[in-house]
Amino acid sequence: MGIPIDLSRLRTADARAAEAQRDLIPAEVTVMQAMIVVGEEKWARAMAIAEDAAYPWAMRAALRGATMLVRDSETMDTLAFLLGFSPEETDRLFIEAAEVTL
């Protein structure tokens, strides 16, 4: 009888590549860095939606008061939705925004 193998711990090459790619994405950027990358017009449209009284108050407050954007946060998921960004576009935003110096 052979040595038992715990298959739940095996990772595919694709999974390792995805993890390595994910490690290249900054975890945080400033709102100002993101605003510069997104552009004035698109950012203003997203903020106008977020200021609508029909939008949940707590989320409006979170977006209005944010100074940092955290990639894996609910606030960022909401902002990405408002901007019409896919997960890949959101990752690209963080990569590009991290390169902006203020």
Protein backbone atom coordinates (compact mmCIF):
# COMPACT_ATOMS: atom_id res chain seq x y z
CA MET A 1 0.00 0.00 0.00
CA GLY A 2 1.28 3.44 -0.96
CA ILE A 3 1.60 6.67 0.92
CA PRO A 4 -1.70 8.54 1.06
CA ILE A 5 -1.71 11.84 -0.84
CA ASP A 6 -3.80 14.76 0.34
CA LEU A 7 -5.17 15.97 -3.00
CA SER A 8 -6.83 18.97 -1.37
CA ARG A 9 -3.39 20.54 -0.98
CA LEU A 10 -2.36 20.17 -4.61
CA ARG A 11 -2.41 23.33 -6.67
CA THR A 12 -2.52 23.44 -10.41
CA ALA A 13 -0.08 25.47 -12.47
CA ASP A 14 -2.96 27.79 -13.35
CA ALA A 15 -3.75 28.34 -9.68
CA ARG A 16 -0.09 29.11 -8.92
CA ALA A 17 0.09 31.50 -11.88
CA ALA A 18 -3.11 33.26 -10.80
CA GLU A 19 -1.76 33.61 -7.26
CA ALA A 20 1.54 35.01 -8.54
CA GLN A 21 -0.35 37.50 -10.72
CA ARG A 22 -2.52 38.49 -7.76
CA ASP A 23 0.60 39.17 -5.69
CA LEU A 24 1.57 41.86 -8.20
CA ILE A 25 -1.60 43.85 -7.55
CA PRO A 26 -1.19 46.50 -4.85
CA ALA A 27 -3.50 45.97 -1.89
CA GLU A 28 -4.13 49.70 -1.39
CA VAL A 29 -4.01 52.95 -3.33
CA THR A 30 -5.13 56.44 -2.40
CA VAL A 31 -8.43 57.75 -3.67
CA MET A 32 -6.52 60.53 -5.42
CA GLN A 33 -4.34 58.02 -7.30
CA ALA A 34 -7.48 56.17 -8.42
CA MET A 35 -9.24 59.38 -9.42
CA ILE A 36 -6.32 60.38 -11.65
CA VAL A 37 -6.34 57.01 -13.41
CA VAL A 38 -10.13 56.85 -13.79
CA GLY A 39 -10.46 60.41 -15.04
CA GLU A 40 -12.64 63.31 -14.00
CA GLU A 41 -15.72 62.55 -16.10
CA LYS A 42 -16.08 58.86 -15.23
CA TRP A 43 -15.29 59.49 -11.55
CA ALA A 44 -17.89 62.28 -11.39
CA ARG A 45 -20.56 60.02 -12.92
CA ALA A 46 -19.83 57.29 -10.35
CA MET A 47 -19.92 59.77 -7.46
CA ALA A 48 -23.21 61.25 -8.70
CA ILE A 49 -24.76 57.78 -8.52
CA ALA A 50 -23.25 57.23 -5.08
CA GLU A 51 -24.74 60.52 -3.83
CA ASP A 52 -28.27 59.54 -4.84
CA ALA A 53 -30.41 59.34 -1.69
CA ALA A 54 -31.77 56.01 -2.93
CA TYR A 55 -28.29 54.52 -2.46
CA PRO A 56 -27.61 53.04 1.02
CA TRP A 57 -26.51 55.77 3.42
CA ALA A 58 -23.61 53.78 4.88
CA MET A 59 -22.11 53.12 1.46
CA ARG A 60 -22.49 56.76 0.46
CA ALA A 61 -20.70 57.75 3.66
CA ALA A 62 -17.94 55.18 3.10
CA LEU A 63 -17.31 56.37 -0.46
CA ARG A 64 -17.44 60.04 0.52
CA GLY A 65 -15.06 59.61 3.47
CA ALA A 66 -12.54 57.25 1.93
CA THR A 67 -8.95 58.38 1.59
CA MET A 68 -7.57 54.92 0.77
CA LEU A 69 -9.03 52.19 -1.42
CA VAL A 70 -8.44 48.59 -0.35
CA ARG A 71 -8.59 46.12 -3.23
CA ASP A 72 -10.54 43.36 -1.46
CA SER A 73 -13.03 45.55 0.40
CA GLU A 74 -16.78 45.93 0.05
CA THR A 75 -16.30 49.64 -0.56
CA MET A 76 -14.01 48.91 -3.51
CA ASP A 77 -16.44 46.33 -4.87
CA THR A 78 -19.16 48.98 -4.77
CA LEU A 79 -16.96 51.60 -6.38
CA ALA A 80 -15.97 49.15 -9.12
CA PHE A 81 -19.67 48.49 -9.75
CA LEU A 82 -20.37 52.23 -9.96
CA LEU A 83 -17.48 52.65 -12.39
CA GLY A 84 -18.61 49.68 -14.46
CA PHE A 85 -15.32 47.86 -13.89
CA SER A 86 -14.84 44.10 -14.16
CA PRO A 87 -12.52 42.42 -11.60
CA GLU A 88 -9.74 42.51 -14.19
CA GLU A 89 -10.28 46.23 -14.83
CA THR A 90 -10.26 46.87 -11.08
CA ASP A 91 -6.96 45.01 -10.77
CA ARG A 92 -5.57 47.12 -13.62
CA LEU A 93 -6.79 50.28 -11.85
CA PHE A 94 -4.81 49.34 -8.74
CA ILE A 95 -1.69 48.53 -10.76
CA GLU A 96 -1.85 51.82 -12.69
CA ALA A 97 -2.88 53.92 -9.69
CA ALA A 98 0.06 52.65 -7.65
CA GLU A 99 2.37 54.13 -10.30
CA VAL A 100 0.88 57.63 -9.90
CA THR A 101 3.02 59.87 -7.73
CA LEU A 102 1.52 62.93 -6.11
